[in-house]
Amino acid sequence: MTSASGVPGVFAVQCPNPKCRKYMLVEEHDRGMVVPCLLCKTPIRVGGAPSGSSSTGRAPSSGTAR
């Protein structure tokens, strides 16, 4: 799989710190983990789903609760 960065297994995350907001490239094996921002050291939780999937946080349209 090739990400938006054009490098397989690597994708971008943004620091949640409003004073930093730096983008970093992280590797596929870091998915679901917490990594420190390279600039300000704020912990960043790396997303669990690939950026191509849509996770809006809404309930499924089928109405099935889990």
PDB file of N, CA and C in Angstrom:
ATOM      1  N   MET A   1       0.845  -1.184   0.000  1.00  0.00           N
ATOM      2  CA  MET A   1       0.000   0.000   0.000  1.00  0.00           C
ATOM      3  C   MET A   1       0.883   1.237   0.000  1.00  0.00           C
ATOM      4  N   THR A   2       0.535   2.227  -0.786  1.00  0.00           N
ATOM      5  CA  THR A   2       1.286   3.468  -0.854  1.00  0.00           C
ATOM      6  C   THR A   2       0.427   4.588  -0.286  1.00  0.00           C
ATOM      7  N   SER A   3       0.987   5.368   0.626  1.00  0.00           N
ATOM      8  CA  SER A   3       0.240   6.449   1.261  1.00  0.00           C
ATOM      9  C   SER A   3       0.329   7.723   0.437  1.00  0.00           C
ATOM     10  N   ALA A   4      -0.286   8.787   0.948  1.00  0.00           N
ATOM     11  CA  ALA A   4      -0.278  10.081   0.270  1.00  0.00           C
ATOM     12  C   ALA A   4       1.139  10.627   0.127  1.00  0.00           C
ATOM     13  N   SER A   5       2.048  10.205   1.009  1.00  0.00           N
ATOM     14  CA  SER A   5       3.434  10.672   0.932  1.00  0.00           C
ATOM     15  C   SER A   5       4.176   9.996  -0.211  1.00  0.00           C
ATOM     16  N   GLY A   6       3.596   8.933  -0.786  1.00  0.00           N
ATOM     17  CA  GLY A   6       4.232   8.239  -1.891  1.00  0.00           C
ATOM     18  C   GLY A   6       5.184   7.149  -1.435  1.00  0.00           C
ATOM     19  N   VAL A   7       5.351   6.953  -0.135  1.00  0.00           N
ATOM     20  CA  VAL A   7       6.245   5.941   0.397  1.00  0.00           C
ATOM     21  C   VAL A   7       5.399   4.847   1.033  1.00  0.00           C
ATOM     22  N   PRO A   8       5.572   3.589   0.635  1.00  0.00           N
ATOM     23  CA  PRO A   8       4.763   2.523   1.214  1.00  0.00           C
ATOM     24  C   PRO A   8       5.027   2.355   2.707  1.00  0.00           C
ATOM     25  N   GLY A   9       3.952   2.204   3.486  1.00  0.00           N
ATOM     26  CA  GLY A   9       4.097   1.961   4.911  1.00  0.00           C
ATOM     27  C   GLY A   9       4.398   3.186   5.741  1.00  0.00           C
ATOM     28  N   VAL A  10       4.342   4.375   5.154  1.00  0.00           N
ATOM     29  CA  VAL A  10       4.620   5.623   5.861  1.00  0.00           C
ATOM     30  C   VAL A  10       3.453   6.574   5.637  1.00  0.00           C
ATOM     31  N   PHE A  11       3.030   7.262   6.717  1.00  0.00           N
ATOM     32  CA  PHE A  11       1.944   8.227   6.565  1.00  0.00           C
ATOM     33  C   PHE A  11       2.178   9.399   7.509  1.00  0.00           C
ATOM     34  N   ALA A  12       1.459  10.494   7.296  1.00  0.00           N
ATOM     35  CA  ALA A  12       1.662  11.724   8.058  1.00  0.00           C
ATOM     36  C   ALA A  12       0.681  11.832   9.216  1.00  0.00           C
ATOM     37  N   VAL A  13       1.170  12.356  10.341  1.00  0.00           N
ATOM     38  CA  VAL A  13       0.326  12.714  11.483  1.00  0.00           C
ATOM     39  C   VAL A  13       0.676  14.138  11.867  1.00  0.00           C
ATOM     40  N   GLN A  14      -0.285  14.833  12.490  1.00  0.00           N
ATOM     41  CA  GLN A  14      -0.051  16.206  12.906  1.00  0.00           C
ATOM     42  C   GLN A  14      -0.077  16.296  14.419  1.00  0.00           C
ATOM     43  N   CYS A  15       0.836  17.062  14.976  1.00  0.00           N
ATOM     44  CA  CYS A  15       0.902  17.270  16.416  1.00  0.00           C
ATOM     45  C   CYS A  15      -0.374  17.990  16.868  1.00  0.00           C
ATOM     46  N   PRO A  16      -1.009  17.496  17.953  1.00  0.00           N
ATOM     47  CA  PRO A  16      -2.244  18.121  18.434  1.00  0.00           C
ATOM     48  C   PRO A  16      -2.008  19.407  19.231  1.00  0.00           C
ATOM     49  N   ASN A  17      -0.770  19.698  19.589  1.00  0.00           N
ATOM     50  CA  ASN A  17      -0.448  20.900  20.357  1.00  0.00           C
ATOM     51  C   ASN A  17      -0.698  22.134  19.488  1.00  0.00           C
ATOM     52  N   PRO A  18      -1.627  23.034  19.889  1.00  0.00           N
ATOM     53  CA  PRO A  18      -1.952  24.204  19.051  1.00  0.00           C
ATOM     54  C   PRO A  18      -0.766  25.130  18.816  1.00  0.00           C
ATOM     55  N   LYS A  19       0.236  25.092  19.675  1.00  0.00           N
ATOM     56  CA  LYS A  19       1.423  25.945  19.481  1.00  0.00           C
ATOM     57  C   LYS A  19       2.450  25.310  18.553  1.00  0.00           C
ATOM     58  N   CYS A  20       2.265  24.037  18.225  1.00  0.00           N
ATOM     59  CA  CYS A  20       3.229  23.315  17.389  1.00  0.00           C
ATOM     60  C   CYS A  20       2.628  22.976  16.020  1.00  0.00           C
ATOM     61  N   ARG A  21       1.670  22.033  16.008  1.00  0.00           N
ATOM     62  CA  ARG A  21       0.949  21.589  14.798  1.00  0.00           C
ATOM     63  C   ARG A  21       1.881  21.036  13.709  1.00  0.00           C
ATOM     64  N   LYS A  22       3.066  20.565  14.082  1.00  0.00           N
ATOM     65  CA  LYS A  22       4.019  20.012  13.122  1.00  0.00           C
ATOM     66  C   LYS A  22       3.487  18.719  12.523  1.00  0.00           C
ATOM     67  N   TYR A  23       3.719  18.514  11.236  1.00  0.00           N
ATOM     68  CA  TYR A  23       3.422  17.247  10.579  1.00  0.00           C
ATOM     69  C   TYR A  23       4.667  16.369  10.632  1.00  0.00           C
ATOM     70  N   MET A  24       4.461  15.082  10.902  1.00  0.00           N
ATOM     71  CA  MET A  24       5.570  14.140  10.919  1.00  0.00           C
ATOM     72  C   MET A  24       5.173  12.908  10.121  1.00  0.00           C
ATOM     73  N   LEU A  25       6.163  12.211   9.601  1.00  0.00           N
ATOM     74  CA  LEU A  25       5.915  10.942   8.938  1.00  0.00           C
ATOM     75  C   LEU A  25       6.183   9.830   9.935  1.00  0.00           C
ATOM     76  N   VAL A  26       5.233   8.915  10.062  1.00  0.00           N
ATOM     77  CA  VAL A  26       5.397   7.764  10.939  1.00  0.00           C
ATOM     78  C   VAL A  26       5.208   6.494  10.116  1.00  0.00           C
ATOM     79  N   GLU A  27       5.771   5.404  10.594  1.00  0.00           N
ATOM     80  CA  GLU A  27       5.719   4.148   9.861  1.00  0.00           C
ATOM     81  C   GLU A  27       4.485   3.339  10.235  1.00  0.00           C
ATOM     82  N   GLU A  28       4.125   2.430   9.361  1.00  0.00           N
ATOM     83  CA  GLU A  28       2.942   1.590   9.527  1.00  0.00           C
ATOM     84  C   GLU A  28       2.944   0.849  10.864  1.00  0.00           C
ATOM     85  N   HIS A  29       4.105   0.389  11.323  1.00  0.00           N
ATOM     86  CA  HIS A  29       4.155  -0.379  12.570  1.00  0.00           C
ATOM     87  C   HIS A  29       3.867   0.485  13.798  1.00  0.00           C
ATOM     88  N   ASP A  30       3.836   1.814  13.648  1.00  0.00           N
ATOM     89  CA  ASP A  30       3.500   2.715  14.762  1.00  0.00           C
ATOM     90  C   ASP A  30       1.997   2.945  14.897  1.00  0.00           C
ATOM     91  N   ARG A  31       1.198   2.398  13.978  1.00  0.00           N
ATOM     92  CA  ARG A  31      -0.252   2.576  14.006  1.00  0.00           C
ATOM     93  C   ARG A  31      -0.825   2.047  15.321  1.00  0.00           C
ATOM     94  N   GLY A  32      -1.664   2.870  15.981  1.00  0.00           N
ATOM     95  CA  GLY A  32      -2.272   2.480  17.245  1.00  0.00           C
ATOM     96  C   GLY A  32      -1.397   2.766  18.460  1.00  0.00           C
ATOM     97  N   MET A  33      -0.205   3.305  18.244  1.00  0.00           N
ATOM     98  CA  MET A  33       0.707   3.594  19.350  1.00  0.00           C
ATOM     99  C   MET A  33       0.738   5.096  19.636  1.00  0.00           C
ATOM    100  N   VAL A  34       1.410   5.469  20.717  1.00  0.00           N
ATOM    101  CA  VAL A  34       1.615   6.871  21.057  1.00  0.00           C
ATOM    102  C   VAL A  34       3.081   7.181  20.811  1.00  0.00           C
ATOM    103  N   VAL A  35       3.335   8.219  19.999  1.00  0.00           N
ATOM    104  CA  VAL A  35       4.706   8.635  19.696  1.00  0.00           C
ATOM    105  C   VAL A  35       4.876  10.094  20.097  1.00  0.00           C
ATOM    106  N   PRO A  36       6.080  10.505  20.506  1.00  0.00           N
ATOM    107  CA  PRO A  36       6.287  11.911  20.857  1.00  0.00           C
ATOM    108  C   PRO A  36       6.511  12.763  19.606  1.00  0.00           C
ATOM    109  N   CYS A  37       5.995  13.990  19.634  1.00  0.00           N
ATOM    110  CA  CYS A  37       6.264  14.947  18.558  1.00  0.00           C
ATOM    111  C   CYS A  37       7.772  15.196  18.513  1.00  0.00           C
ATOM    112  N   LEU A  38       8.322  15.251  17.325  1.00  0.00           N
ATOM    113  CA  LEU A  38       9.757  15.454  17.187  1.00  0.00           C
ATOM    114  C   LEU A  38      10.191  16.850  17.617  1.00  0.00           C
ATOM    115  N   LEU A  39       9.274  17.807  17.589  1.00  0.00           N
ATOM    116  CA  LEU A  39       9.634  19.181  17.924  1.00  0.00           C
ATOM    117  C   LEU A  39       9.331  19.530  19.379  1.00  0.00           C
ATOM    118  N   CYS A  40       8.088  19.291  19.822  1.00  0.00           N
ATOM    119  CA  CYS A  40       7.691  19.736  21.164  1.00  0.00           C
ATOM    120  C   CYS A  40       7.524  18.599  22.165  1.00  0.00           C
ATOM    121  N   LYS A  41       7.641  17.353  21.702  1.00  0.00           N
ATOM    122  CA  LYS A  41       7.552  16.150  22.556  1.00  0.00           C
ATOM    123  C   LYS A  41       6.145  15.842  23.080  1.00  0.00           C
ATOM    124  N   THR A  42       5.112  16.520  22.563  1.00  0.00           N
ATOM    125  CA  THR A  42       3.730  16.213  22.945  1.00  0.00           C
ATOM    126  C   THR A  42       3.392  14.803  22.462  1.00  0.00           C
ATOM    127  N   PRO A  43       2.774  13.960  23.306  1.00  0.00           N
ATOM    128  CA  PRO A  43       2.391  12.617  22.861  1.00  0.00           C
ATOM    129  C   PRO A  43       1.325  12.678  21.767  1.00  0.00           C
ATOM    130  N   ILE A  44       1.514  11.900  20.715  1.00  0.00           N
ATOM    131  CA  ILE A  44       0.580  11.844  19.595  1.00  0.00           C
ATOM    132  C   ILE A  44       0.121  10.408  19.441  1.00  0.00           C
ATOM    133  N   ARG A  45      -1.185  10.173  19.509  1.00  0.00           N
ATOM    134  CA  ARG A  45      -1.723   8.835  19.267  1.00  0.00           C
ATOM    135  C   ARG A  45      -1.865   8.668  17.767  1.00  0.00           C
ATOM    136  N   VAL A  46      -1.141   7.695  17.231  1.00  0.00           N
ATOM    137  CA  VAL A  46      -1.165   7.432  15.798  1.00  0.00           C
ATOM    138  C   VAL A  46      -2.446   6.685  15.472  1.00  0.00           C
ATOM    139  N   GLY A  47      -3.178   7.154  14.476  1.00  0.00           N
ATOM    140  CA  GLY A  47      -4.475   6.589  14.116  1.00  0.00           C
ATOM    141  C   GLY A  47      -4.415   5.108  13.815  1.00  0.00           C
ATOM    142  N   GLY A  48      -5.512   4.400  14.122  1.00  0.00           N
ATOM    143  CA  GLY A  48      -5.569   2.967  13.912  1.00  0.00           C
ATOM    144  C   GLY A  48      -6.057   2.576  12.538  1.00  0.00           C
ATOM    145  N   ALA A  49      -6.777   3.465  11.850  1.00  0.00           N
ATOM    146  CA  ALA A  49      -7.331   3.138  10.535  1.00  0.00           C
ATOM    147  C   ALA A  49      -6.540   3.856   9.456  1.00  0.00           C
ATOM    148  N   PRO A  50      -6.368   3.246   8.302  1.00  0.00           N
ATOM    149  CA  PRO A  50      -5.700   3.923   7.185  1.00  0.00           C
ATOM    150  C   PRO A  50      -6.446   5.192   6.807  1.00  0.00           C
ATOM    151  N   SER A  51      -5.738   6.178   6.296  1.00  0.00           N
ATOM    152  CA  SER A  51      -6.343   7.469   5.986  1.00  0.00           C
ATOM    153  C   SER A  51      -7.413   7.377   4.906  1.00  0.00           C
ATOM    154  N   GLY A  52      -7.447   6.314   4.134  1.00  0.00           N
ATOM    155  CA  GLY A  52      -8.440   6.156   3.089  1.00  0.00           C
ATOM    156  C   GLY A  52      -9.805   5.768   3.613  1.00  0.00           C
ATOM    157  N   SER A  53      -9.893   5.277   4.849  1.00  0.00           N
ATOM    158  CA  SER A  53     -11.186   4.869   5.394  1.00  0.00           C
ATOM    159  C   SER A  53     -11.863   6.055   6.045  1.00  0.00           C
ATOM    160  N   SER A  54     -13.197   6.007   6.085  1.00  0.00           N
ATOM    161  CA  SER A  54     -13.936   7.104   6.699  1.00  0.00           C
ATOM    162  C   SER A  54     -14.390   6.695   8.081  1.00  0.00           C
ATOM    163  N   SER A  55     -13.928   7.396   9.095  1.00  0.00           N
ATOM    164  CA  SER A  55     -14.388   7.133  10.461  1.00  0.00           C
ATOM    165  C   SER A  55     -14.907   8.449  11.014  1.00  0.00           C
ATOM    166  N   THR A  56     -16.220   8.646  10.906  1.00  0.00           N
ATOM    167  CA  THR A  56     -16.828   9.906  11.310  1.00  0.00           C
ATOM    168  C   THR A  56     -17.275   9.900  12.747  1.00  0.00           C
ATOM    169  N   GLY A  57     -17.275   8.724  13.388  1.00  0.00           N
ATOM    170  CA  GLY A  57     -17.710   8.640  14.769  1.00  0.00           C
ATOM    171  C   GLY A  57     -19.208   8.479  14.911  1.00  0.00           C
ATOM    172  N   ARG A  58     -19.936   8.412  13.789  1.00  0.00           N
ATOM    173  CA  ARG A  58     -21.382   8.231  13.847  1.00  0.00           C
ATOM    174  C   ARG A  58     -21.728   6.756  13.932  1.00  0.00           C
ATOM    175  N   ALA A  59     -22.942   6.472  14.365  1.00  0.00           N
ATOM    176  CA  ALA A  59     -23.428   5.087  14.431  1.00  0.00           C
ATOM    177  C   ALA A  59     -23.587   4.554  13.014  1.00  0.00           C
ATOM    178  N   PRO A  60     -23.445   3.244  12.830  1.00  0.00           N
ATOM    179  CA  PRO A  60     -23.651   2.655  11.498  1.00  0.00           C
ATOM    180  C   PRO A  60     -25.062   2.940  10.988  1.00  0.00           C
ATOM    181  N   SER A  61     -25.209   3.088   9.687  1.00  0.00           N
ATOM    182  CA  SER A  61     -26.501   3.418   9.111  1.00  0.00           C
ATOM    183  C   SER A  61     -27.514   2.282   9.247  1.00  0.00           C
ATOM    184  N   SER A  62     -27.045   1.064   9.527  1.00  0.00           N
ATOM    185  CA  SER A  62     -27.956  -0.064   9.664  1.00  0.00           C
ATOM    186  C   SER A  62     -28.728   0.000  10.976  1.00  0.00           C
ATOM    187  N   GLY A  63     -28.294   0.840  11.915  1.00  0.00           N
ATOM    188  CA  GLY A  63     -28.981   0.985  13.177  1.00  0.00           C
ATOM    189  C   GLY A  63     -28.596  -0.070  14.196  1.00  0.00           C
ATOM    190  N   THR A  64     -27.618  -0.889  13.901  1.00  0.00           N
ATOM    191  CA  THR A  64     -27.187  -1.937  14.807  1.00  0.00           C
ATOM    192  C   THR A  64     -26.221  -1.367  15.837  1.00  0.00           C
ATOM    193  N   ALA A  65     -26.560  -1.480  17.106  1.00  0.00           N
ATOM    194  CA  ALA A  65     -25.675  -1.001  18.163  1.00  0.00           C
ATOM    195  C   ALA A  65     -24.768  -2.125  18.626  1.00  0.00           C
ATOM    196  N   ARG A  66     -23.508  -1.807  18.901  1.00  0.00           N
ATOM    197  CA  ARG A  66     -22.568  -2.828  19.371  1.00  0.00           C
ATOM    198  C   ARG A  66     -22.040  -2.470  20.719  1.00  0.00           C
TER     199      ARG A  66
END
